[in-house]
Full PDB file with SEQRES, HELIX, SHEET, SSBOND, CRYST1, ORIGX, SCALE, CONECT and MASTER records, all heavy atoms in Angstrom:
SEQRES   1 A   34  THR PHE TYR GLY ARG THR GLU HIS PHE ARG LEU VAL LYS          
SEQRES   2 A   34  VAL VAL ARG LYS PRO GLU ASP GLY PRO SER LEU VAL GLY          
SEQRES   3 A   34  LEU PHE ALA THR ILE LYS ILE TYR                              
HELIX    1 AA1 PRO A   18  ASP A   20  5                                   3    
SHEET    1 AA1 2 PHE A   2  ARG A   5  0                                        
SHEET    2 AA1 2 LEU A  11  VAL A  14 -1                                        
CRYST1    1.000    1.000    1.000  90.00  90.00  90.00 P 1           1          
ORIGX1      1.000000  0.000000  0.000000        0.00000                         
ORIGX2      0.000000  1.000000  0.000000        0.00000                         
ORIGX3      0.000000  0.000000  1.000000        0.00000                         
SCALE1      1.000000  0.000000  0.000000        0.00000                         
SCALE2      0.000000  1.000000  0.000000        0.00000                         
SCALE3      0.000000  0.000000  1.000000        0.00000                         
ATOM      1  N   THR A   1      -4.152  -3.757   6.986  1.00  0.00           N  
ATOM      2  CA  THR A   1      -4.720  -3.063   5.808  1.00  0.00           C  
ATOM      3  C   THR A   1      -4.074  -1.653   5.789  1.00  0.00           C  
ATOM      4  O   THR A   1      -4.306  -0.878   6.723  1.00  0.00           O  
ATOM      5  CB  THR A   1      -6.234  -3.033   5.952  1.00  0.00           C  
ATOM      6  OG1 THR A   1      -6.764  -4.348   6.019  1.00  0.00           O  
ATOM      7  CG2 THR A   1      -6.854  -2.309   4.721  1.00  0.00           C  
ATOM      8  N   PHE A   2      -3.406  -1.382   4.662  1.00  0.00           N  
ATOM      9  CA  PHE A   2      -2.674  -0.126   4.565  1.00  0.00           C  
ATOM     10  C   PHE A   2      -3.301   0.747   3.474  1.00  0.00           C  
ATOM     11  O   PHE A   2      -3.782   0.216   2.455  1.00  0.00           O  
ATOM     12  CB  PHE A   2      -1.218  -0.439   4.208  1.00  0.00           C  
ATOM     13  CG  PHE A   2      -0.512  -1.185   5.338  1.00  0.00           C  
ATOM     14  CD1 PHE A   2      -0.516  -2.530   5.385  1.00  0.00           C  
ATOM     15  CD2 PHE A   2       0.116  -0.471   6.337  1.00  0.00           C  
ATOM     16  CE1 PHE A   2       0.089  -3.262   6.381  1.00  0.00           C  
ATOM     17  CE2 PHE A   2       0.745  -1.173   7.384  1.00  0.00           C  
ATOM     18  CZ  PHE A   2       0.732  -2.566   7.391  1.00  0.00           C  
ATOM     19  N   TYR A   3      -3.226   2.031   3.679  1.00  0.00           N  
ATOM     20  CA  TYR A   3      -3.775   2.987   2.737  1.00  0.00           C  
ATOM     21  C   TYR A   3      -2.693   3.999   2.355  1.00  0.00           C  
ATOM     22  O   TYR A   3      -1.904   4.455   3.159  1.00  0.00           O  
ATOM     23  CB  TYR A   3      -4.937   3.772   3.337  1.00  0.00           C  
ATOM     24  CG  TYR A   3      -6.186   2.946   3.473  1.00  0.00           C  
ATOM     25  CD1 TYR A   3      -6.405   2.218   4.632  1.00  0.00           C  
ATOM     26  CD2 TYR A   3      -7.115   2.849   2.468  1.00  0.00           C  
ATOM     27  CE1 TYR A   3      -7.575   1.436   4.759  1.00  0.00           C  
ATOM     28  CE2 TYR A   3      -8.262   2.105   2.590  1.00  0.00           C  
ATOM     29  CZ  TYR A   3      -8.490   1.338   3.753  1.00  0.00           C  
ATOM     30  OH  TYR A   3      -9.623   0.603   3.854  1.00  0.00           O  
ATOM     31  N   GLY A   4      -2.663   4.313   1.015  1.00  0.00           N  
ATOM     32  CA  GLY A   4      -1.731   5.275   0.533  1.00  0.00           C  
ATOM     33  C   GLY A   4      -2.365   6.035  -0.640  1.00  0.00           C  
ATOM     34  O   GLY A   4      -3.505   5.820  -0.988  1.00  0.00           O  
ATOM     35  N   ARG A   5      -1.535   6.895  -1.215  1.00  0.00           N  
ATOM     36  CA  ARG A   5      -2.024   7.734  -2.310  1.00  0.00           C  
ATOM     37  C   ARG A   5      -1.086   7.612  -3.508  1.00  0.00           C  
ATOM     38  O   ARG A   5       0.127   7.503  -3.333  1.00  0.00           O  
ATOM     39  CB  ARG A   5      -2.032   9.227  -1.900  1.00  0.00           C  
ATOM     40  CG  ARG A   5      -3.018   9.509  -0.781  1.00  0.00           C  
ATOM     41  CD  ARG A   5      -4.360   9.763  -1.275  1.00  0.00           C  
ATOM     42  NE  ARG A   5      -5.290  10.091  -0.177  1.00  0.00           N  
ATOM     43  CZ  ARG A   5      -6.564  10.303  -0.303  1.00  0.00           C  
ATOM     44  NH1 ARG A   5      -7.085  10.233  -1.562  1.00  0.00           N  
ATOM     45  NH2 ARG A   5      -7.370  10.551   0.686  1.00  0.00           N  
ATOM     46  N   THR A   6      -1.692   7.624  -4.708  1.00  0.00           N  
ATOM     47  CA  THR A   6      -0.956   7.675  -5.935  1.00  0.00           C  
ATOM     48  C   THR A   6      -0.494   9.118  -6.162  1.00  0.00           C  
ATOM     49  O   THR A   6      -0.912  10.014  -5.447  1.00  0.00           O  
ATOM     50  CB  THR A   6      -1.790   7.220  -7.146  1.00  0.00           C  
ATOM     51  OG1 THR A   6      -2.770   8.229  -7.361  1.00  0.00           O  
ATOM     52  CG2 THR A   6      -2.385   5.839  -6.916  1.00  0.00           C  
ATOM     53  N   GLU A   7       0.310   9.299  -7.217  1.00  0.00           N  
ATOM     54  CA  GLU A   7       0.733  10.661  -7.564  1.00  0.00           C  
ATOM     55  C   GLU A   7      -0.430  11.529  -7.977  1.00  0.00           C  
ATOM     56  O   GLU A   7      -0.365  12.774  -7.915  1.00  0.00           O  
ATOM     57  CB  GLU A   7       1.823  10.645  -8.648  1.00  0.00           C  
ATOM     58  CG  GLU A   7       1.226  10.131  -9.976  1.00  0.00           C  
ATOM     59  CD  GLU A   7       2.338  10.132 -11.073  1.00  0.00           C  
ATOM     60  OE1 GLU A   7       2.800  11.201 -11.470  1.00  0.00           O  
ATOM     61  OE2 GLU A   7       2.692   9.039 -11.496  1.00  0.00           O  
ATOM     62  N   HIS A   8      -1.571  10.940  -8.340  1.00  0.00           N  
ATOM     63  CA  HIS A   8      -2.756  11.684  -8.673  1.00  0.00           C  
ATOM     64  C   HIS A   8      -3.734  11.760  -7.527  1.00  0.00           C  
ATOM     65  O   HIS A   8      -4.911  12.081  -7.681  1.00  0.00           O  
ATOM     66  CB  HIS A   8      -3.413  11.109  -9.914  1.00  0.00           C  
ATOM     67  CG  HIS A   8      -2.535  11.222 -11.145  1.00  0.00           C  
ATOM     68  ND1 HIS A   8      -1.927  10.106 -11.685  1.00  0.00           N  
ATOM     69  CD2 HIS A   8      -2.153  12.289 -11.840  1.00  0.00           C  
ATOM     70  CE1 HIS A   8      -1.236  10.540 -12.689  1.00  0.00           C  
ATOM     71  NE2 HIS A   8      -1.349  11.852 -12.803  1.00  0.00           N  
ATOM     72  N   PHE A   9      -3.258  11.418  -6.310  1.00  0.00           N  
ATOM     73  CA  PHE A   9      -3.995  11.545  -5.070  1.00  0.00           C  
ATOM     74  C   PHE A   9      -5.157  10.539  -4.936  1.00  0.00           C  
ATOM     75  O   PHE A   9      -6.027  10.702  -4.160  1.00  0.00           O  
ATOM     76  CB  PHE A   9      -4.490  12.967  -4.835  1.00  0.00           C  
ATOM     77  CG  PHE A   9      -4.621  13.317  -3.388  1.00  0.00           C  
ATOM     78  CD1 PHE A   9      -3.505  13.347  -2.584  1.00  0.00           C  
ATOM     79  CD2 PHE A   9      -5.848  13.616  -2.850  1.00  0.00           C  
ATOM     80  CE1 PHE A   9      -3.634  13.642  -1.230  1.00  0.00           C  
ATOM     81  CE2 PHE A   9      -5.987  13.915  -1.490  1.00  0.00           C  
ATOM     82  CZ  PHE A   9      -4.889  13.929  -0.680  1.00  0.00           C  
ATOM     83  N   ARG A  10      -5.154   9.476  -5.715  1.00  0.00           N  
ATOM     84  CA  ARG A  10      -6.136   8.475  -5.558  1.00  0.00           C  
ATOM     85  C   ARG A  10      -5.793   7.570  -4.380  1.00  0.00           C  
ATOM     86  O   ARG A  10      -4.628   7.179  -4.208  1.00  0.00           O  
ATOM     87  CB  ARG A  10      -6.255   7.602  -6.838  1.00  0.00           C  
ATOM     88  CG  ARG A  10      -6.669   8.397  -8.023  1.00  0.00           C  
ATOM     89  CD  ARG A  10      -7.181   7.506  -9.150  1.00  0.00           C  
ATOM     90  NE  ARG A  10      -7.221   8.097 -10.461  1.00  0.00           N  
ATOM     91  CZ  ARG A  10      -7.706   9.270 -10.882  1.00  0.00           C  
ATOM     92  NH1 ARG A  10      -8.188  10.053  -9.980  1.00  0.00           N  
ATOM     93  NH2 ARG A  10      -7.707   9.611 -12.106  1.00  0.00           N  
ATOM     94  N   LEU A  11      -6.786   7.281  -3.542  1.00  0.00           N  
ATOM     95  CA  LEU A  11      -6.584   6.413  -2.416  1.00  0.00           C  
ATOM     96  C   LEU A  11      -6.489   5.002  -2.811  1.00  0.00           C  
ATOM     97  O   LEU A  11      -7.288   4.465  -3.601  1.00  0.00           O  
ATOM     98  CB  LEU A  11      -7.788   6.609  -1.447  1.00  0.00           C  
ATOM     99  CG  LEU A  11      -7.653   5.913  -0.063  1.00  0.00           C  
ATOM    100  CD1 LEU A  11      -6.497   6.496   0.741  1.00  0.00           C  
ATOM    101  CD2 LEU A  11      -8.969   6.059   0.674  1.00  0.00           C  
ATOM    102  N   VAL A  12      -5.433   4.273  -2.278  1.00  0.00           N  
ATOM    103  CA  VAL A  12      -5.193   2.891  -2.643  1.00  0.00           C  
ATOM    104  C   VAL A  12      -5.137   2.052  -1.306  1.00  0.00           C  
ATOM    105  O   VAL A  12      -4.493   2.444  -0.375  1.00  0.00           O  
ATOM    106  CB  VAL A  12      -3.911   2.722  -3.416  1.00  0.00           C  
ATOM    107  CG1 VAL A  12      -3.627   1.213  -3.680  1.00  0.00           C  
ATOM    108  CG2 VAL A  12      -3.926   3.451  -4.684  1.00  0.00           C  
ATOM    109  N   LYS A  13      -5.858   0.903  -1.355  1.00  0.00           N  
ATOM    110  CA  LYS A  13      -5.899   0.014  -0.179  1.00  0.00           C  
ATOM    111  C   LYS A  13      -5.099  -1.277  -0.558  1.00  0.00           C  
ATOM    112  O   LYS A  13      -5.320  -1.826  -1.631  1.00  0.00           O  
ATOM    113  CB  LYS A  13      -7.371  -0.363   0.085  1.00  0.00           C  
ATOM    114  CG  LYS A  13      -7.538  -1.380   1.134  1.00  0.00           C  
ATOM    115  CD  LYS A  13      -9.072  -1.671   1.289  1.00  0.00           C  
ATOM    116  CE  LYS A  13      -9.363  -2.793   2.200  1.00  0.00           C  
ATOM    117  NZ  LYS A  13     -10.798  -3.018   2.332  1.00  0.00           N  
ATOM    118  N   VAL A  14      -4.279  -1.691   0.374  1.00  0.00           N  
ATOM    119  CA  VAL A  14      -3.514  -2.958   0.212  1.00  0.00           C  
ATOM    120  C   VAL A  14      -3.654  -3.742   1.496  1.00  0.00           C  
ATOM    121  O   VAL A  14      -3.399  -3.215   2.590  1.00  0.00           O  
ATOM    122  CB  VAL A  14      -2.024  -2.717  -0.147  1.00  0.00           C  
ATOM    123  CG1 VAL A  14      -1.232  -3.999  -0.045  1.00  0.00           C  
ATOM    124  CG2 VAL A  14      -1.913  -2.103  -1.525  1.00  0.00           C  
ATOM    125  N   VAL A  15      -3.996  -4.978   1.398  1.00  0.00           N  
ATOM    126  CA  VAL A  15      -4.059  -5.908   2.563  1.00  0.00           C  
ATOM    127  C   VAL A  15      -2.791  -6.728   2.515  1.00  0.00           C  
ATOM    128  O   VAL A  15      -2.468  -7.314   1.493  1.00  0.00           O  
ATOM    129  CB  VAL A  15      -5.308  -6.779   2.572  1.00  0.00           C  
ATOM    130  CG1 VAL A  15      -5.303  -7.705   3.768  1.00  0.00           C  
ATOM    131  CG2 VAL A  15      -6.574  -5.916   2.527  1.00  0.00           C  
ATOM    132  N   ARG A  16      -2.097  -6.733   3.673  1.00  0.00           N  
ATOM    133  CA  ARG A  16      -0.805  -7.418   3.678  1.00  0.00           C  
ATOM    134  C   ARG A  16      -0.815  -8.344   4.888  1.00  0.00           C  
ATOM    135  O   ARG A  16      -1.095  -7.957   6.006  1.00  0.00           O  
ATOM    136  CB  ARG A  16       0.324  -6.394   3.830  1.00  0.00           C  
ATOM    137  CG  ARG A  16       1.673  -7.012   3.667  1.00  0.00           C  
ATOM    138  CD  ARG A  16       2.717  -5.858   3.656  1.00  0.00           C  
ATOM    139  NE  ARG A  16       3.941  -6.363   3.092  1.00  0.00           N  
ATOM    140  CZ  ARG A  16       5.107  -5.874   3.406  1.00  0.00           C  
ATOM    141  NH1 ARG A  16       5.229  -4.838   4.176  1.00  0.00           N  
ATOM    142  NH2 ARG A  16       6.238  -6.334   2.852  1.00  0.00           N  
ATOM    143  N   LYS A  17      -0.454  -9.612   4.689  1.00  0.00           N  
ATOM    144  CA  LYS A  17      -0.391 -10.570   5.783  1.00  0.00           C  
ATOM    145  C   LYS A  17       0.846 -10.255   6.656  1.00  0.00           C  
ATOM    146  O   LYS A  17       1.860  -9.804   6.137  1.00  0.00           O  
ATOM    147  CB  LYS A  17      -0.248 -11.999   5.228  1.00  0.00           C  
ATOM    148  CG  LYS A  17      -1.446 -12.433   4.419  1.00  0.00           C  
ATOM    149  CD  LYS A  17      -1.194 -13.793   3.771  1.00  0.00           C  
ATOM    150  CE  LYS A  17      -2.313 -14.113   2.830  1.00  0.00           C  
ATOM    151  NZ  LYS A  17      -1.955 -15.139   1.948  1.00  0.00           N  
ATOM    152  N   PRO A  18       0.733 -10.509   7.971  1.00  0.00           N  
ATOM    153  CA  PRO A  18       1.874 -10.209   8.836  1.00  0.00           C  
ATOM    154  C   PRO A  18       3.183 -10.879   8.390  1.00  0.00           C  
ATOM    155  O   PRO A  18       4.252 -10.315   8.464  1.00  0.00           O  
ATOM    156  CB  PRO A  18       1.440 -10.746  10.206  1.00  0.00           C  
ATOM    157  CG  PRO A  18      -0.054 -10.838  10.099  1.00  0.00           C  
ATOM    158  CD  PRO A  18      -0.377 -11.070   8.667  1.00  0.00           C  
ATOM    159  N   GLU A  19       3.037 -12.093   7.857  1.00  0.00           N  
ATOM    160  CA  GLU A  19       4.254 -12.841   7.440  1.00  0.00           C  
ATOM    161  C   GLU A  19       4.923 -12.239   6.177  1.00  0.00           C  
ATOM    162  O   GLU A  19       5.999 -12.567   5.812  1.00  0.00           O  
ATOM    163  CB  GLU A  19       3.959 -14.334   7.226  1.00  0.00           C  
ATOM    164  CG  GLU A  19       2.902 -14.655   6.173  1.00  0.00           C  
ATOM    165  CD  GLU A  19       1.497 -14.725   6.730  1.00  0.00           C  
ATOM    166  OE1 GLU A  19       1.206 -14.248   7.859  1.00  0.00           O  
ATOM    167  OE2 GLU A  19       0.675 -15.283   5.998  1.00  0.00           O  
ATOM    168  N   ASP A  20       4.200 -11.309   5.507  1.00  0.00           N  
ATOM    169  CA  ASP A  20       4.711 -10.684   4.250  1.00  0.00           C  
ATOM    170  C   ASP A  20       5.688  -9.574   4.586  1.00  0.00           C  
ATOM    171  O   ASP A  20       6.345  -9.052   3.670  1.00  0.00           O  
ATOM    172  CB  ASP A  20       3.587 -10.133   3.430  1.00  0.00           C  
ATOM    173  CG  ASP A  20       2.764 -11.217   2.814  1.00  0.00           C  
ATOM    174  OD1 ASP A  20       3.243 -12.368   2.682  1.00  0.00           O  
ATOM    175  OD2 ASP A  20       1.581 -10.951   2.431  1.00  0.00           O  
ATOM    176  N   GLY A  21       5.814  -9.213   5.857  1.00  0.00           N  
ATOM    177  CA  GLY A  21       6.784  -8.171   6.193  1.00  0.00           C  
ATOM    178  C   GLY A  21       6.202  -7.129   7.120  1.00  0.00           C  
ATOM    179  O   GLY A  21       5.026  -7.125   7.465  1.00  0.00           O  
ATOM    180  N   PRO A  22       7.061  -6.120   7.441  1.00  0.00           N  
ATOM    181  CA  PRO A  22       6.619  -5.045   8.373  1.00  0.00           C  
ATOM    182  C   PRO A  22       5.640  -4.102   7.715  1.00  0.00           C  
ATOM    183  O   PRO A  22       5.302  -4.219   6.568  1.00  0.00           O  
ATOM    184  CB  PRO A  22       7.915  -4.375   8.723  1.00  0.00           C  
ATOM    185  CG  PRO A  22       8.829  -4.628   7.545  1.00  0.00           C  
ATOM    186  CD  PRO A  22       8.422  -5.915   6.998  1.00  0.00           C  
ATOM    187  N   SER A  23       5.341  -3.103   8.481  1.00  0.00           N  
ATOM    188  CA  SER A  23       4.389  -2.050   8.056  1.00  0.00           C  
ATOM    189  C   SER A  23       4.865  -1.370   6.745  1.00  0.00           C  
ATOM    190  O   SER A  23       6.010  -1.235   6.460  1.00  0.00           O  
ATOM    191  CB  SER A  23       4.335  -0.981   9.149  1.00  0.00           C  
ATOM    192  OG  SER A  23       3.598   0.149   8.697  1.00  0.00           O  
ATOM    193  N   LEU A  24       3.854  -0.974   5.976  1.00  0.00           N  
ATOM    194  CA  LEU A  24       4.127  -0.254   4.722  1.00  0.00           C  
ATOM    195  C   LEU A  24       4.176   1.259   4.905  1.00  0.00           C  
ATOM    196  O   LEU A  24       4.547   2.020   4.006  1.00  0.00           O  
ATOM    197  CB  LEU A  24       3.079  -0.570   3.702  1.00  0.00           C  
ATOM    198  CG  LEU A  24       2.993  -1.984   3.178  1.00  0.00           C  
ATOM    199  CD1 LEU A  24       1.785  -2.187   2.272  1.00  0.00           C  
ATOM    200  CD2 LEU A  24       4.279  -2.304   2.371  1.00  0.00           C  
ATOM    201  N   VAL A  25       3.803   1.735   6.097  1.00  0.00           N  
ATOM    202  CA  VAL A  25       3.684   3.187   6.337  1.00  0.00           C  
ATOM    203  C   VAL A  25       4.989   3.852   6.120  1.00  0.00           C  
ATOM    204  O   VAL A  25       6.026   3.471   6.619  1.00  0.00           O  
ATOM    205  CB  VAL A  25       3.119   3.444   7.795  1.00  0.00           C  
ATOM    206  CG1 VAL A  25       3.114   4.949   8.071  1.00  0.00           C  
ATOM    207  CG2 VAL A  25       1.770   2.884   7.992  1.00  0.00           C  
ATOM    208  N   GLY A  26       4.950   4.897   5.277  1.00  0.00           N  
ATOM    209  CA  GLY A  26       6.109   5.656   4.944  1.00  0.00           C  
ATOM    210  C   GLY A  26       6.852   5.100   3.763  1.00  0.00           C  
ATOM    211  O   GLY A  26       7.855   5.743   3.351  1.00  0.00           O  
ATOM    212  N   LEU A  27       6.442   4.031   3.176  1.00  0.00           N  
ATOM    213  CA  LEU A  27       7.143   3.427   2.051  1.00  0.00           C  
ATOM    214  C   LEU A  27       6.428   3.717   0.730  1.00  0.00           C  
ATOM    215  O   LEU A  27       5.227   3.865   0.693  1.00  0.00           O  
ATOM    216  CB  LEU A  27       7.242   1.882   2.223  1.00  0.00           C  
ATOM    217  CG  LEU A  27       7.907   1.360   3.454  1.00  0.00           C  
ATOM    218  CD1 LEU A  27       7.871  -0.191   3.465  1.00  0.00           C  
ATOM    219  CD2 LEU A  27       9.369   1.887   3.531  1.00  0.00           C  
ATOM    220  N   PHE A  28       7.249   3.766  -0.349  1.00  0.00           N  
ATOM    221  CA  PHE A  28       6.700   3.786  -1.684  1.00  0.00           C  
ATOM    222  C   PHE A  28       6.721   2.347  -2.205  1.00  0.00           C  
ATOM    223  O   PHE A  28       7.654   1.603  -1.951  1.00  0.00           O  
ATOM    224  CB  PHE A  28       7.611   4.611  -2.616  1.00  0.00           C  
ATOM    225  CG  PHE A  28       7.393   6.066  -2.569  1.00  0.00           C  
ATOM    226  CD1 PHE A  28       8.215   6.911  -1.825  1.00  0.00           C  
ATOM    227  CD2 PHE A  28       6.329   6.654  -3.274  1.00  0.00           C  
ATOM    228  CE1 PHE A  28       8.011   8.260  -1.791  1.00  0.00           C  
ATOM    229  CE2 PHE A  28       6.106   8.035  -3.236  1.00  0.00           C  
ATOM    230  CZ  PHE A  28       6.974   8.824  -2.529  1.00  0.00           C  
ATOM    231  N   ALA A  29       5.676   1.970  -2.938  1.00  0.00           N  
ATOM    232  CA  ALA A  29       5.620   0.616  -3.525  1.00  0.00           C  
ATOM    233  C   ALA A  29       4.889   0.733  -4.847  1.00  0.00           C  
ATOM    234  O   ALA A  29       4.042   1.597  -5.074  1.00  0.00           O  
ATOM    235  CB  ALA A  29       4.907  -0.316  -2.562  1.00  0.00           C  
ATOM    236  N   THR A  30       5.244  -0.164  -5.760  1.00  0.00           N  
ATOM    237  CA  THR A  30       4.507  -0.316  -7.003  1.00  0.00           C  
ATOM    238  C   THR A  30       3.367  -1.259  -6.723  1.00  0.00           C  
ATOM    239  O   THR A  30       3.562  -2.386  -6.205  1.00  0.00           O  
ATOM    240  CB  THR A  30       5.423  -0.922  -8.124  1.00  0.00           C  
ATOM    241  OG1 THR A  30       6.550  -0.006  -8.259  1.00  0.00           O  
ATOM    242  CG2 THR A  30       4.669  -1.006  -9.420  1.00  0.00           C  
ATOM    243  N   ILE A  31       2.182  -0.826  -7.021  1.00  0.00           N  
ATOM    244  CA  ILE A  31       0.944  -1.565  -6.747  1.00  0.00           C  
ATOM    245  C   ILE A  31       0.200  -1.870  -8.025  1.00  0.00           C  
ATOM    246  O   ILE A  31       0.031  -0.992  -8.869  1.00  0.00           O  
ATOM    247  CB  ILE A  31       0.022  -0.748  -5.810  1.00  0.00           C  
ATOM    248  CG1 ILE A  31       0.755  -0.329  -4.510  1.00  0.00           C  
ATOM    249  CG2 ILE A  31      -1.237  -1.542  -5.494  1.00  0.00           C  
ATOM    250  CD1 ILE A  31       1.266  -1.473  -3.673  1.00  0.00           C  
ATOM    251  N   LYS A  32      -0.222  -3.129  -8.182  1.00  0.00           N  
ATOM    252  CA  LYS A  32      -1.088  -3.540  -9.316  1.00  0.00           C  
ATOM    253  C   LYS A  32      -2.515  -3.372  -8.858  1.00  0.00           C  
ATOM    254  O   LYS A  32      -2.942  -4.044  -7.904  1.00  0.00           O  
ATOM    255  CB  LYS A  32      -0.790  -4.959  -9.723  1.00  0.00           C  
ATOM    256  CG  LYS A  32      -1.728  -5.470 -10.836  1.00  0.00           C  
ATOM    257  CD  LYS A  32      -0.964  -5.616 -12.096  1.00  0.00           C  
ATOM    258  CE  LYS A  32      -1.947  -6.026 -13.178  1.00  0.00           C  
ATOM    259  NZ  LYS A  32      -1.307  -6.802 -14.213  1.00  0.00           N  
ATOM    260  N   ILE A  33      -3.251  -2.525  -9.522  1.00  0.00           N  
ATOM    261  CA  ILE A  33      -4.668  -2.250  -9.156  1.00  0.00           C  
ATOM    262  C   ILE A  33      -5.559  -3.358  -9.723  1.00  0.00           C  
ATOM    263  O   ILE A  33      -5.471  -3.637 -10.914  1.00  0.00           O  
ATOM    264  CB  ILE A  33      -5.120  -0.871  -9.686  1.00  0.00           C  
ATOM    265  CG1 ILE A  33      -4.139   0.236  -9.236  1.00  0.00           C  
ATOM    266  CG2 ILE A  33      -6.561  -0.603  -9.296  1.00  0.00           C  
ATOM    267  CD1 ILE A  33      -3.994   0.398  -7.729  1.00  0.00           C  
ATOM    268  N   TYR A  34      -6.315  -3.981  -8.819  1.00  0.00           N  
ATOM    269  CA  TYR A  34      -7.229  -5.055  -9.300  1.00  0.00           C  
ATOM    270  C   TYR A  34      -8.706  -4.714  -9.064  1.00  0.00           C  
ATOM    271  O   TYR A  34      -9.584  -5.461  -9.575  1.00  0.00           O  
ATOM    272  CB  TYR A  34      -6.861  -6.386  -8.644  1.00  0.00           C  
ATOM    273  CG  TYR A  34      -7.099  -6.493  -7.172  1.00  0.00           C  
ATOM    274  CD1 TYR A  34      -8.407  -6.788  -6.686  1.00  0.00           C  
ATOM    275  CD2 TYR A  34      -6.123  -6.263  -6.278  1.00  0.00           C  
ATOM    276  CE1 TYR A  34      -8.659  -6.872  -5.313  1.00  0.00           C  
ATOM    277  CE2 TYR A  34      -6.332  -6.350  -4.915  1.00  0.00           C  
ATOM    278  CZ  TYR A  34      -7.621  -6.663  -4.435  1.00  0.00           C  
ATOM    279  OH  TYR A  34      -7.844  -6.695  -3.100  1.00  0.00           O  
TER     280      TYR A  34                                                      
MASTER        0    0    0    1    2    0    0    6  279    1    0    3          
END                                                                             
């Protein structure tokens, strides 16, 4: 479960399965908010 911030400093949570790839820490990603 990874946490990051949007450009407006909103906290965003993403759950990623281990098989989906390595850690997201330090990466930028486009996220669809649900």
